[in-house]
Amino acid sequence: MAARSQERAKPLVLLVDDDGAFADAVSLLLREAFDVVAVPDGRAALALLANRAFDAVLLDVELGGQPDGLEVLRRIRRDDGQVPIFMVTRSEEMELALAAGRLGATDYFTKGSPIETLSRRLLTALQGRVAEREREALARAAGAERWHFAGESPAIRRLLGDADTVADTATTVLITGEHGTGKETLARYIHRRSSRAERPFIAVHCPAIPEGLVESELFGHEKGAFTHATALHRGSFELVEDGTLLLDEITEMPLGLQSKLLQVLQSGKFARLGSERVLRARARILCATNRDPREAVRLGKLREDLFYRINVVGLHIPPLRERHQDVPILARHFLRKKCAELGKQVEGFTPEAEALLLAHDWPGNARELENLIERAVVFCRASRITADLLSPISAGAAFLTLPWEQAKELAMRRFEHSYLTALLQVYGGSIARAARAMGVSRQAFYKALERSEVSAERFRRPSGRRSAGE
């Protein structure tokens, strides 16, 4: 059905009935609340629906000619699954009305009933459709936000640049980062930026699966392959088809299965447990871990050969405490997301709340921030989130006892210290490169280091050469 080209003051209703007297009466009695367009047959109705969008349709069940009422209903529902359709019937046509209900009619109206009843039911149906559209819009907004990886710090800009570079390749990627930094979110970001975006994405959280079932979860099993295998089970490698498979916390996978995974990655083939039939592994593989993978190899938690196979490209997500400048950006991102999910409208944060967010060290990283924002949105009854709604982190914030200007200065000093530290870590202690990334002169950068009591020397890479003047 065509889209409405402009908003109307009244809902537009299409009436399809070959009883001219009834059509005239309905048009007259509904005109205060609706704009009614009446046509006498199905052909005219379908022609109109192809070029105009109607808010509701009144359709005679026993419509003369071809297509009949039920066929018109089928065709409307084929093109528009949401528009309210009221079947108009005489009492002796109730079997047809019931058949129409099975075909997707919204409701029916019996000729001879008060038109006011029809008007009320039409309005109720239209209000329900408006509410459904709003829910769909919120869901789309939440979906668009859900896998957006927010941040503007140099480390995150570089990370997303690398992610964009590898997104549309078949290269295996190992994502590392502390708990709560957003490893699965980054994996989904890579998936959505690739040509596989319309294909499935499956995340397998290795520690959550009992050790004896991990192989079956990944590769599937045939009926009777082991005790309690009462039916065929397709594993994640098979279900994901040519989409993207994330193996989360890969270092927690049993070592014996790591060996089989390595064989699958090298050969591109696998078989279900209890089957000799070889299946092709077409998925793009991403892996993630909160451990240092090299340390996991040293401790015997991760096979060295598997590490080299999955670490073709390594992407590390720095913790939030090392990129405080991303906190306000993430907070606004989570605020939009939670408002969409919860159906609330909150415009932003008060200055006191922003200062509180900046001052916190975020040991739980982005996940902690997201959960905090969700709680604040739930309890927020004003246009902005206030500091008292952030009580889980405010308990340890002594600066809240300070006046606003002093608290702001303290929060900014903490932020500046974290920001300068992160820059120097990224650029190996290079003053020139860090100052350029910050957008200030080297002299200004030196002053900032002195003010924040940060030493560049401890970040210098021993093997790296410094440019003149650094």
Foldseek 3Di string as FASTA:
>chain_A
DDDAPDDDPAFEEEEEALPVVVLVVLCVVCVVHYHYDYDHALVVVVVCVVPHDGQAYEFELQRDDPPHRLVSLLVVCVVDVQRAYEYEYAPVCVVSVVVSVVSRHPYYDHPPPDSVVVNVVSVVSSVVSVVVVLLVVLVVLLVVLVLDDFDDAPLVVVLVVVLLVCLADLAFEEEEAAAQLQRVSSVLVSQCSYPLNVFDEEEDAQVVDPLVCPLCQAAWAADPLDPPSNHTTGHPQVRRPQGAYEHEQVLQHDPVVLVVVVVCLVPQWDHHRPDPDIDGRNYRYYYYHHDPVVVSCVVVSHPPVSCVRNVPDYRYRYFCLLQLVRQQVLLVSLLSSLCSVVVHAAQEADLQLNLLSLQDNPPNGSNVSSVLSNQQRVPDPDNHRYNVSSVVSCVPPPCVVPPPVVSSVVSVLSNLLSSLVSLLLVVQLALCVSCVSVVHDSVVNVVSCVSSVHDSVVRHDPPDDYDPPD
